[in-house]
């Protein structure tokens, strides 16, 4: 028996990358999963591959009515809703504050922050009736460290972290857990999509991203969707029943700083440069 046997989960942003692997893992562990996303063909193909425990609902989380219909529809269809994973998001190119595009800013806030807050609003009455539930929001280490991603994205993710804490303080009293997962450099197509490459093409060409991300943190391998899916499984399951209001950082140690060996090499180079200056 899987650790999510008999549970129902909604995964927003579930058609590829982290969301798709989480949907697969949740189904493997016994859950009934509703996958939501904008790419109908991709979402329906994924649901068909996962079998009768999975279904797809075409949803643009930036549209309040669609998000409301997704969550309330899932609860009405299955009679309960145990887990909501707010994972929808996308990347944009880094740009100076001087070049801020306010339309781009508003769209990012609508998808990455506003949709998360609204989803928590819509799922709260359902979980309050149940007196139980797990809400998982996707954050980012960009919420902690500047210049890792676009300013607008980083700002939105920082707000998601605090919104998670605020709602956790309220809903925790009713045995509803609200937590965040902050990925580091994870191999998905989001980075290619940020520079205008088609979503389906980006998802199929990740070799360069994998090689570069293997060098992005102390642990010498690239982060994979599996790493985040496993964290989500923990927070969704009864194993995480006393975990509330936290941000689970899954980044191979990137947030703590550069690799030790890189620091040693940099200090050695500095020493050699100072010696050369003195002796010269």
C-alpha atoms as a PDB file:
ATOM      1  CA  UNK A   1       0.000   0.000   0.000  1.00  0.00           C
ATOM      2  CA  UNK A   2       1.334   3.448  -0.948  1.00  0.00           C
ATOM      3  CA  UNK A   3       1.756   6.277   1.529  1.00  0.00           C
ATOM      4  CA  UNK A   4      -0.964   8.296  -0.244  1.00  0.00           C
ATOM      5  CA  UNK A   5      -3.441   5.446  -0.576  1.00  0.00           C
ATOM      6  CA  UNK A   6      -6.995   6.807  -0.728  1.00  0.00           C
ATOM      7  CA  UNK A   7      -5.928  10.455  -0.906  1.00  0.00           C
ATOM      8  CA  UNK A   8      -6.947  12.986  -3.555  1.00  0.00           C
ATOM      9  CA  UNK A   9      -4.501  15.617  -4.790  1.00  0.00           C
ATOM     10  CA  UNK A  10      -4.653  18.549  -7.185  1.00  0.00           C
ATOM     11  CA  UNK A  11      -1.389  19.567  -8.836  1.00  0.00           C
ATOM     12  CA  UNK A  12      -1.430  22.971 -10.534  1.00  0.00           C
ATOM     13  CA  UNK A  13       1.376  23.281 -13.059  1.00  0.00           C
ATOM     14  CA  UNK A  14       1.406  19.513 -13.428  1.00  0.00           C
ATOM     15  CA  UNK A  15       2.010  18.912 -17.115  1.00  0.00           C
ATOM     16  CA  UNK A  16       5.826  18.843 -17.168  1.00  0.00           C
ATOM     17  CA  UNK A  17       8.964  19.001 -15.058  1.00  0.00           C
ATOM     18  CA  UNK A  18       8.426  19.041 -11.307  1.00  0.00           C
ATOM     19  CA  UNK A  19       4.645  18.877 -11.544  1.00  0.00           C
ATOM     20  CA  UNK A  20       4.599  15.917 -13.927  1.00  0.00           C
ATOM     21  CA  UNK A  21       7.048  13.881 -11.860  1.00  0.00           C
ATOM     22  CA  UNK A  22       5.068  14.682  -8.709  1.00  0.00           C
ATOM     23  CA  UNK A  23       1.876  13.491 -10.398  1.00  0.00           C
ATOM     24  CA  UNK A  24       3.599  10.248 -11.376  1.00  0.00           C
ATOM     25  CA  UNK A  25       4.944   9.682  -7.866  1.00  0.00           C
ATOM     26  CA  UNK A  26       1.639  10.481  -6.172  1.00  0.00           C
ATOM     27  CA  UNK A  27      -0.167   7.983  -8.405  1.00  0.00           C
ATOM     28  CA  UNK A  28       2.539   5.380  -7.705  1.00  0.00           C
ATOM     29  CA  UNK A  29       1.891   5.928  -3.995  1.00  0.00           C
ATOM     30  CA  UNK A  30      -1.851   5.374  -4.288  1.00  0.00           C
ATOM     31  CA  UNK A  31      -3.298   8.866  -4.758  1.00  0.00           C
ATOM     32  CA  UNK A  32      -5.977  10.014  -7.144  1.00  0.00           C
ATOM     33  CA  UNK A  33      -4.478  13.013  -8.928  1.00  0.00           C
ATOM     34  CA  UNK A  34      -6.027  15.894 -10.847  1.00  0.00           C
ATOM     35  CA  UNK A  35      -3.384  17.457 -13.097  1.00  0.00           C
ATOM     36  CA  UNK A  36      -3.886  21.087 -14.104  1.00  0.00           C
ATOM     37  CA  UNK A  37      -2.076  23.137 -16.701  1.00  0.00           C
ATOM     38  CA  UNK A  38      -2.499  25.130 -19.881  1.00  0.00           C
ATOM     39  CA  UNK A  39      -1.157  22.580 -22.401  1.00  0.00           C
ATOM     40  CA  UNK A  40      -4.138  20.348 -23.082  1.00  0.00           C
ATOM     41  CA  UNK A  41      -2.413  17.825 -25.349  1.00  0.00           C
ATOM     42  CA  UNK A  42       0.507  17.379 -22.948  1.00  0.00           C
ATOM     43  CA  UNK A  43      -1.737  17.149 -19.892  1.00  0.00           C
ATOM     44  CA  UNK A  44      -4.153  14.655 -21.415  1.00  0.00           C
ATOM     45  CA  UNK A  45      -1.286  12.483 -22.649  1.00  0.00           C
ATOM     46  CA  UNK A  46       0.240  12.444 -19.163  1.00  0.00           C
ATOM     47  CA  UNK A  47      -3.080  11.563 -17.520  1.00  0.00           C
ATOM     48  CA  UNK A  48      -3.673   8.768 -20.028  1.00  0.00           C
ATOM     49  CA  UNK A  49      -0.199   7.352 -19.379  1.00  0.00           C
ATOM     50  CA  UNK A  50      -0.762   7.384 -15.610  1.00  0.00           C
ATOM     51  CA  UNK A  51      -4.038   5.499 -15.895  1.00  0.00           C
ATOM     52  CA  UNK A  52      -7.464   5.808 -14.251  1.00  0.00           C
ATOM     53  CA  UNK A  53      -6.093   7.381 -11.063  1.00  0.00           C
ATOM     54  CA  UNK A  54      -5.145  10.533 -13.007  1.00  0.00           C
ATOM     55  CA  UNK A  55      -7.175  13.106 -14.886  1.00  0.00           C
ATOM     56  CA  UNK A  56      -6.420  16.431 -16.533  1.00  0.00           C
ATOM     57  CA  UNK A  57      -8.261  19.732 -16.253  1.00  0.00           C
ATOM     58  CA  UNK A  58      -7.134  22.504 -18.578  1.00  0.00           C
ATOM     59  CA  UNK A  59      -6.551  25.491 -16.285  1.00  0.00           C
ATOM     60  CA  UNK A  60      -4.906  28.887 -16.544  1.00  0.00           C
ATOM     61  CA  UNK A  61      -4.222  29.750 -12.903  1.00  0.00           C
ATOM     62  CA  UNK A  62      -4.041  33.448 -13.766  1.00  0.00           C
ATOM     63  CA  UNK A  63      -7.813  33.294 -14.324  1.00  0.00           C
ATOM     64  CA  UNK A  64      -9.625  33.232 -10.997  1.00  0.00           C
ATOM     65  CA  UNK A  65     -12.750  31.487 -12.302  1.00  0.00           C
ATOM     66  CA  UNK A  66     -10.738  28.626 -13.833  1.00  0.00           C
ATOM     67  CA  UNK A  67      -8.746  28.134 -10.635  1.00  0.00           C
ATOM     68  CA  UNK A  68     -11.898  28.105  -8.525  1.00  0.00           C
ATOM     69  CA  UNK A  69     -13.560  25.600 -10.862  1.00  0.00           C
ATOM     70  CA  UNK A  70     -10.495  23.335 -10.742  1.00  0.00           C
ATOM     71  CA  UNK A  71     -10.407  23.089  -6.953  1.00  0.00           C
ATOM     72  CA  UNK A  72     -14.112  23.016  -6.238  1.00  0.00           C
ATOM     73  CA  UNK A  73     -14.685  20.643  -9.143  1.00  0.00           C
ATOM     74  CA  UNK A  74     -12.113  18.165  -7.838  1.00  0.00           C
ATOM     75  CA  UNK A  75     -13.667  18.221  -4.357  1.00  0.00           C
ATOM     76  CA  UNK A  76     -17.179  17.747  -5.771  1.00  0.00           C
ATOM     77  CA  UNK A  77     -16.072  14.910  -8.031  1.00  0.00           C
ATOM     78  CA  UNK A  78     -14.210  12.912  -5.381  1.00  0.00           C
ATOM     79  CA  UNK A  79     -15.963  14.078  -2.220  1.00  0.00           C
ATOM     80  CA  UNK A  80     -12.742  15.206  -0.572  1.00  0.00           C
ATOM     81  CA  UNK A  81      -9.425  16.889  -1.282  1.00  0.00           C
ATOM     82  CA  UNK A  82      -6.380  15.964   0.783  1.00  0.00           C
ATOM     83  CA  UNK A  83      -3.563  17.816  -0.967  1.00  0.00           C
ATOM     84  CA  UNK A  84      -3.139  20.900  -3.131  1.00  0.00           C
ATOM     85  CA  UNK A  85       0.238  21.479  -4.774  1.00  0.00           C
ATOM     86  CA  UNK A  86       0.542  25.039  -6.125  1.00  0.00           C
ATOM     87  CA  UNK A  87       3.345  24.509  -8.603  1.00  0.00           C
ATOM     88  CA  UNK A  88       2.370  26.634 -11.618  1.00  0.00           C
ATOM     89  CA  UNK A  89       5.000  29.105 -12.739  1.00  0.00           C
ATOM     90  CA  UNK A  90       7.365  30.161 -15.487  1.00  0.00           C
ATOM     91  CA  UNK A  91      10.643  31.973 -15.945  1.00  0.00           C
ATOM     92  CA  UNK A  92      11.450  35.305 -17.550  1.00  0.00           C
ATOM     93  CA  UNK A  93      14.668  36.896 -18.683  1.00  0.00           C
ATOM     94  CA  UNK A  94      16.696  38.863 -16.161  1.00  0.00           C
ATOM     95  CA  UNK A  95      16.575  42.588 -16.742  1.00  0.00           C
ATOM     96  CA  UNK A  96      17.512  45.782 -14.938  1.00  0.00           C
ATOM     97  CA  UNK A  97      14.981  47.637 -12.795  1.00  0.00           C
ATOM     98  CA  UNK A  98      15.460  50.432 -15.338  1.00  0.00           C
ATOM     99  CA  UNK A  99      13.965  48.137 -17.978  1.00  0.00           C
ATOM    100  CA  UNK A 100      11.056  46.854 -15.874  1.00  0.00           C
ATOM    101  CA  UNK A 101       8.053  45.921 -18.012  1.00  0.00           C
ATOM    102  CA  UNK A 102       5.040  46.465 -15.770  1.00  0.00           C
ATOM    103  CA  UNK A 103       2.784  44.230 -17.890  1.00  0.00           C
ATOM    104  CA  UNK A 104       5.324  41.424 -17.522  1.00  0.00           C
ATOM    105  CA  UNK A 105       5.496  42.167 -13.784  1.00  0.00           C
ATOM    106  CA  UNK A 106       1.706  41.997 -13.394  1.00  0.00           C
ATOM    107  CA  UNK A 107       1.509  38.698 -15.278  1.00  0.00           C
ATOM    108  CA  UNK A 108       4.257  37.156 -13.141  1.00  0.00           C
ATOM    109  CA  UNK A 109       2.503  38.239  -9.958  1.00  0.00           C
ATOM    110  CA  UNK A 110      -0.794  36.863 -11.270  1.00  0.00           C
ATOM    111  CA  UNK A 111       0.629  33.391 -11.915  1.00  0.00           C
ATOM    112  CA  UNK A 112       3.294  32.973  -9.239  1.00  0.00           C
ATOM    113  CA  UNK A 113       1.745  34.834  -6.285  1.00  0.00           C
ATOM    114  CA  UNK A 114      -1.902  35.775  -6.824  1.00  0.00           C
ATOM    115  CA  UNK A 115      -2.846  32.294  -8.029  1.00  0.00           C
ATOM    116  CA  UNK A 116      -1.245  30.693  -4.972  1.00  0.00           C
ATOM    117  CA  UNK A 117      -3.143  32.974  -2.609  1.00  0.00           C
ATOM    118  CA  UNK A 118      -6.425  32.410  -4.454  1.00  0.00           C
ATOM    119  CA  UNK A 119      -5.921  28.652  -4.550  1.00  0.00           C
ATOM    120  CA  UNK A 120      -5.429  28.638  -0.788  1.00  0.00           C
ATOM    121  CA  UNK A 121      -8.590  30.709  -0.443  1.00  0.00           C
ATOM    122  CA  UNK A 122     -10.619  28.270  -2.550  1.00  0.00           C
ATOM    123  CA  UNK A 123      -9.292  25.089  -0.948  1.00  0.00           C
ATOM    124  CA  UNK A 124      -9.524  26.344   2.643  1.00  0.00           C
ATOM    125  CA  UNK A 125     -13.312  25.861   3.064  1.00  0.00           C
ATOM    126  CA  UNK A 126     -13.028  22.313   1.705  1.00  0.00           C
ATOM    127  CA  UNK A 127     -10.210  21.361   4.051  1.00  0.00           C
ATOM    128  CA  UNK A 128     -11.828  23.159   6.980  1.00  0.00           C
ATOM    129  CA  UNK A 129     -14.885  20.944   6.573  1.00  0.00           C
ATOM    130  CA  UNK A 130     -12.611  17.909   6.555  1.00  0.00           C
ATOM    131  CA  UNK A 131     -10.535  19.255   9.465  1.00  0.00           C
ATOM    132  CA  UNK A 132      -7.443  18.089   7.600  1.00  0.00           C
ATOM    133  CA  UNK A 133      -5.340  18.681   4.516  1.00  0.00           C
ATOM    134  CA  UNK A 134      -1.935  19.584   3.132  1.00  0.00           C
ATOM    135  CA  UNK A 135      -1.230  22.645   0.989  1.00  0.00           C
ATOM    136  CA  UNK A 136       2.173  22.779  -0.685  1.00  0.00           C
ATOM    137  CA  UNK A 137       3.428  25.902  -2.445  1.00  0.00           C
ATOM    138  CA  UNK A 138       6.462  26.050  -4.709  1.00  0.00           C
ATOM    139  CA  UNK A 139       8.935  28.715  -3.649  1.00  0.00           C
ATOM    140  CA  UNK A 140      12.523  29.185  -4.809  1.00  0.00           C
ATOM    141  CA  UNK A 141      15.951  29.871  -3.380  1.00  0.00           C
ATOM    142  CA  UNK A 142      15.704  33.045  -5.464  1.00  0.00           C
ATOM    143  CA  UNK A 143      13.476  34.281  -2.631  1.00  0.00           C
ATOM    144  CA  UNK A 144      16.560  34.271  -0.382  1.00  0.00           C
ATOM    145  CA  UNK A 145      19.381  35.345  -2.673  1.00  0.00           C
ATOM    146  CA  UNK A 146      19.293  38.225  -5.135  1.00  0.00           C
ATOM    147  CA  UNK A 147      20.544  37.843  -8.716  1.00  0.00           C
ATOM    148  CA  UNK A 148      19.804  34.113  -8.946  1.00  0.00           C
ATOM    149  CA  UNK A 149      16.798  34.855 -11.126  1.00  0.00           C
ATOM    150  CA  UNK A 150      14.794  37.747 -12.522  1.00  0.00           C
ATOM    151  CA  UNK A 151      13.922  40.433  -9.972  1.00  0.00           C
ATOM    152  CA  UNK A 152      10.196  40.067 -10.582  1.00  0.00           C
ATOM    153  CA  UNK A 153      10.288  36.283 -10.164  1.00  0.00           C
ATOM    154  CA  UNK A 154      12.407  36.525  -7.010  1.00  0.00           C
ATOM    155  CA  UNK A 155      10.065  39.091  -5.476  1.00  0.00           C
ATOM    156  CA  UNK A 156       6.996  36.975  -6.213  1.00  0.00           C
ATOM    157  CA  UNK A 157       8.594  33.885  -4.678  1.00  0.00           C
ATOM    158  CA  UNK A 158       9.598  35.794  -1.536  1.00  0.00           C
ATOM    159  CA  UNK A 159       5.954  36.805  -1.129  1.00  0.00           C
ATOM    160  CA  UNK A 160       4.846  33.178  -1.618  1.00  0.00           C
ATOM    161  CA  UNK A 161       7.063  32.130   1.292  1.00  0.00           C
ATOM    162  CA  UNK A 162       5.522  34.651   3.660  1.00  0.00           C
ATOM    163  CA  UNK A 163       1.972  34.003   2.455  1.00  0.00           C
ATOM    164  CA  UNK A 164       2.628  30.333   3.253  1.00  0.00           C
ATOM    165  CA  UNK A 165       3.629  31.190   6.817  1.00  0.00           C
ATOM    166  CA  UNK A 166       0.637  33.464   7.330  1.00  0.00           C
ATOM    167  CA  UNK A 167      -1.901  30.898   6.134  1.00  0.00           C
ATOM    168  CA  UNK A 168      -0.135  28.099   8.041  1.00  0.00           C
ATOM    169  CA  UNK A 169      -0.612  30.031  11.276  1.00  0.00           C
ATOM    170  CA  UNK A 170      -4.345  30.248  10.637  1.00  0.00           C
ATOM    171  CA  UNK A 171      -5.188  26.862   9.152  1.00  0.00           C
ATOM    172  CA  UNK A 172      -2.873  24.885  11.393  1.00  0.00           C
ATOM    173  CA  UNK A 173      -5.462  25.265  14.151  1.00  0.00           C
ATOM    174  CA  UNK A 174      -7.759  23.058  12.054  1.00  0.00           C
ATOM    175  CA  UNK A 175      -5.092  20.411  11.356  1.00  0.00           C
ATOM    176  CA  UNK A 176      -4.420  21.792   7.875  1.00  0.00           C
ATOM    177  CA  UNK A 177      -0.725  22.011   7.072  1.00  0.00           C
ATOM    178  CA  UNK A 178       0.616  24.710   4.751  1.00  0.00           C
ATOM    179  CA  UNK A 179       4.226  24.438   3.649  1.00  0.00           C
ATOM    180  CA  UNK A 180       6.577  25.545   0.917  1.00  0.00           C
ATOM    181  CA  UNK A 181       9.283  23.805  -1.108  1.00  0.00           C
ATOM    182  CA  UNK A 182      12.084  25.988  -2.461  1.00  0.00           C
ATOM    183  CA  UNK A 183      13.978  24.288  -5.290  1.00  0.00           C
ATOM    184  CA  UNK A 184      17.458  25.248  -6.307  1.00  0.00           C
ATOM    185  CA  UNK A 185      18.755  24.624  -9.822  1.00  0.00           C
ATOM    186  CA  UNK A 186      16.434  21.881 -11.072  1.00  0.00           C
ATOM    187  CA  UNK A 187      16.628  20.456 -14.591  1.00  0.00           C
ATOM    188  CA  UNK A 188      13.384  21.488 -16.293  1.00  0.00           C
ATOM    189  CA  UNK A 189      12.531  23.387 -19.446  1.00  0.00           C
ATOM    190  CA  UNK A 190      11.642  26.562 -17.566  1.00  0.00           C
ATOM    191  CA  UNK A 191      15.003  28.209 -18.253  1.00  0.00           C
ATOM    192  CA  UNK A 192      14.803  27.681 -22.011  1.00  0.00           C
ATOM    193  CA  UNK A 193      11.189  28.836 -22.003  1.00  0.00           C
ATOM    194  CA  UNK A 194      12.298  32.084 -20.349  1.00  0.00           C
ATOM    195  CA  UNK A 195      14.263  32.998 -23.469  1.00  0.00           C
ATOM    196  CA  UNK A 196      11.391  32.217 -25.818  1.00  0.00           C
ATOM    197  CA  UNK A 197      11.976  28.577 -26.747  1.00  0.00           C
ATOM    198  CA  UNK A 198       8.777  26.585 -27.297  1.00  0.00           C
ATOM    199  CA  UNK A 199       7.661  24.641 -24.211  1.00  0.00           C
ATOM    200  CA  UNK A 200       7.611  21.209 -25.819  1.00  0.00           C
ATOM    201  CA  UNK A 201      10.994  21.752 -27.463  1.00  0.00           C
ATOM    202  CA  UNK A 202      12.526  23.022 -24.219  1.00  0.00           C
ATOM    203  CA  UNK A 203      11.315  19.997 -22.263  1.00  0.00           C
ATOM    204  CA  UNK A 204      13.053  17.639 -24.726  1.00  0.00           C
ATOM    205  CA  UNK A 205      16.451  19.352 -24.818  1.00  0.00           C
ATOM    206  CA  UNK A 206      17.941  19.533 -21.337  1.00  0.00           C
ATOM    207  CA  UNK A 207      21.472  18.111 -21.730  1.00  0.00           C
ATOM    208  CA  UNK A 208      23.201  21.496 -21.519  1.00  0.00           C
ATOM    209  CA  UNK A 209      21.119  22.534 -18.514  1.00  0.00           C
ATOM    210  CA  UNK A 210      21.949  19.247 -16.745  1.00  0.00           C
ATOM    211  CA  UNK A 211      25.691  19.681 -17.289  1.00  0.00           C
ATOM    212  CA  UNK A 212      25.730  23.278 -16.067  1.00  0.00           C
ATOM    213  CA  UNK A 213      23.504  22.617 -13.050  1.00  0.00           C
ATOM    214  CA  UNK A 214      25.853  19.846 -11.895  1.00  0.00           C
ATOM    215  CA  UNK A 215      28.273  22.660 -10.998  1.00  0.00           C
ATOM    216  CA  UNK A 216      25.760  25.004  -9.371  1.00  0.00           C
ATOM    217  CA  UNK A 217      25.950  23.774  -5.755  1.00  0.00           C
ATOM    218  CA  UNK A 218      28.152  21.785  -3.354  1.00  0.00           C
ATOM    219  CA  UNK A 219      26.480  18.450  -4.178  1.00  0.00           C
ATOM    220  CA  UNK A 220      28.098  17.559  -7.517  1.00  0.00           C
ATOM    221  CA  UNK A 221      25.060  16.668  -9.582  1.00  0.00           C
ATOM    222  CA  UNK A 222      22.169  18.493 -11.123  1.00  0.00           C
ATOM    223  CA  UNK A 223      18.920  18.734  -9.192  1.00  0.00           C
ATOM    224  CA  UNK A 224      16.117  16.765 -10.825  1.00  0.00           C
ATOM    225  CA  UNK A 225      12.299  16.919 -10.688  1.00  0.00           C
ATOM    226  CA  UNK A 226      12.469  13.692  -8.687  1.00  0.00           C
ATOM    227  CA  UNK A 227      14.158  15.565  -5.839  1.00  0.00           C
ATOM    228  CA  UNK A 228      11.275  18.017  -5.517  1.00  0.00           C
ATOM    229  CA  UNK A 229       8.616  15.348  -6.053  1.00  0.00           C
ATOM    230  CA  UNK A 230      10.026  13.369  -3.124  1.00  0.00           C
ATOM    231  CA  UNK A 231       9.850  16.451  -0.920  1.00  0.00           C
ATOM    232  CA  UNK A 232       6.244  17.025  -1.976  1.00  0.00           C
ATOM    233  CA  UNK A 233       5.418  13.395  -1.210  1.00  0.00           C
ATOM    234  CA  UNK A 234       6.757  13.819   2.314  1.00  0.00           C
ATOM    235  CA  UNK A 235       4.726  16.965   2.941  1.00  0.00           C
ATOM    236  CA  UNK A 236       1.578  15.438   1.448  1.00  0.00           C
ATOM    237  CA  UNK A 237       1.837  12.213   3.438  1.00  0.00           C
ATOM    238  CA  UNK A 238       1.173  11.409   7.070  1.00  0.00           C
ATOM    239  CA  UNK A 239       4.945  11.346   7.601  1.00  0.00           C
ATOM    240  CA  UNK A 240       4.775  15.149   7.547  1.00  0.00           C
ATOM    241  CA  UNK A 241       1.754  15.424   9.854  1.00  0.00           C
ATOM    242  CA  UNK A 242       3.568  17.677  12.367  1.00  0.00           C
ATOM    243  CA  UNK A 243       5.252  19.884   9.768  1.00  0.00           C
ATOM    244  CA  UNK A 244       3.572  23.255   9.259  1.00  0.00           C
ATOM    245  CA  UNK A 245       4.660  26.679   8.061  1.00  0.00           C
ATOM    246  CA  UNK A 246       8.117  25.690   6.887  1.00  0.00           C
ATOM    247  CA  UNK A 247      10.045  26.242   3.683  1.00  0.00           C
ATOM    248  CA  UNK A 248      11.792  23.012   2.742  1.00  0.00           C
ATOM    249  CA  UNK A 249      14.835  24.062   0.711  1.00  0.00           C
ATOM    250  CA  UNK A 250      15.896  21.380  -1.783  1.00  0.00           C
ATOM    251  CA  UNK A 251      18.947  22.775  -3.546  1.00  0.00           C
ATOM    252  CA  UNK A 252      21.988  20.579  -2.965  1.00  0.00           C
ATOM    253  CA  UNK A 253      23.403  23.233  -0.638  1.00  0.00           C
ATOM    254  CA  UNK A 254      23.362  26.147  -3.087  1.00  0.00           C
ATOM    255  CA  UNK A 255      21.777  28.487  -0.573  1.00  0.00           C
ATOM    256  CA  UNK A 256      24.635  28.046   1.925  1.00  0.00           C
ATOM    257  CA  UNK A 257      27.202  29.374  -0.514  1.00  0.00           C
ATOM    258  CA  UNK A 258      29.805  28.361  -3.078  1.00  0.00           C
ATOM    259  CA  UNK A 259      31.609  25.056  -3.130  1.00  0.00           C
ATOM    260  CA  UNK A 260      34.362  24.746  -0.519  1.00  0.00           C
ATOM    261  CA  UNK A 261      36.896  23.760  -3.175  1.00  0.00           C
ATOM    262  CA  UNK A 262      36.056  26.862  -5.198  1.00  0.00           C
ATOM    263  CA  UNK A 263      36.635  29.018  -2.136  1.00  0.00           C
ATOM    264  CA  UNK A 264      39.976  27.338  -1.453  1.00  0.00           C
ATOM    265  CA  UNK A 265      41.055  27.892  -5.054  1.00  0.00           C
ATOM    266  CA  UNK A 266      40.000  31.543  -4.938  1.00  0.00           C
ATOM    267  CA  UNK A 267      41.924  32.164  -1.703  1.00  0.00           C
ATOM    268  CA  UNK A 268      44.988  30.390  -3.092  1.00  0.00           C
ATOM    269  CA  UNK A 269      44.860  32.563  -6.216  1.00  0.00           C
ATOM    270  CA  UNK A 270      44.575  35.692  -4.047  1.00  0.00           C
ATOM    271  CA  UNK A 271      47.577  34.664  -1.953  1.00  0.00           C
ATOM    272  CA  UNK A 272      49.627  34.039  -5.080  1.00  0.00           C
ATOM    273  CA  UNK A 273      48.603  37.394  -6.532  1.00  0.00           C
ATOM    274  CA  UNK A 274      49.588  39.248  -3.342  1.00  0.00           C
ATOM    275  CA  UNK A 275      52.934  37.433  -3.207  1.00  0.00           C
ATOM    276  CA  UNK A 276      53.615  38.263  -6.824  1.00  0.00           C
ATOM    277  CA  UNK A 277      52.818  41.941  -6.192  1.00  0.00           C
ATOM    278  CA  UNK A 278      55.136  42.088  -3.146  1.00  0.00           C
ATOM    279  CA  UNK A 279      57.980  40.195  -4.810  1.00  0.00           C
ATOM    280  CA  UNK A 280      57.586  42.171  -8.002  1.00  0.00           C
END
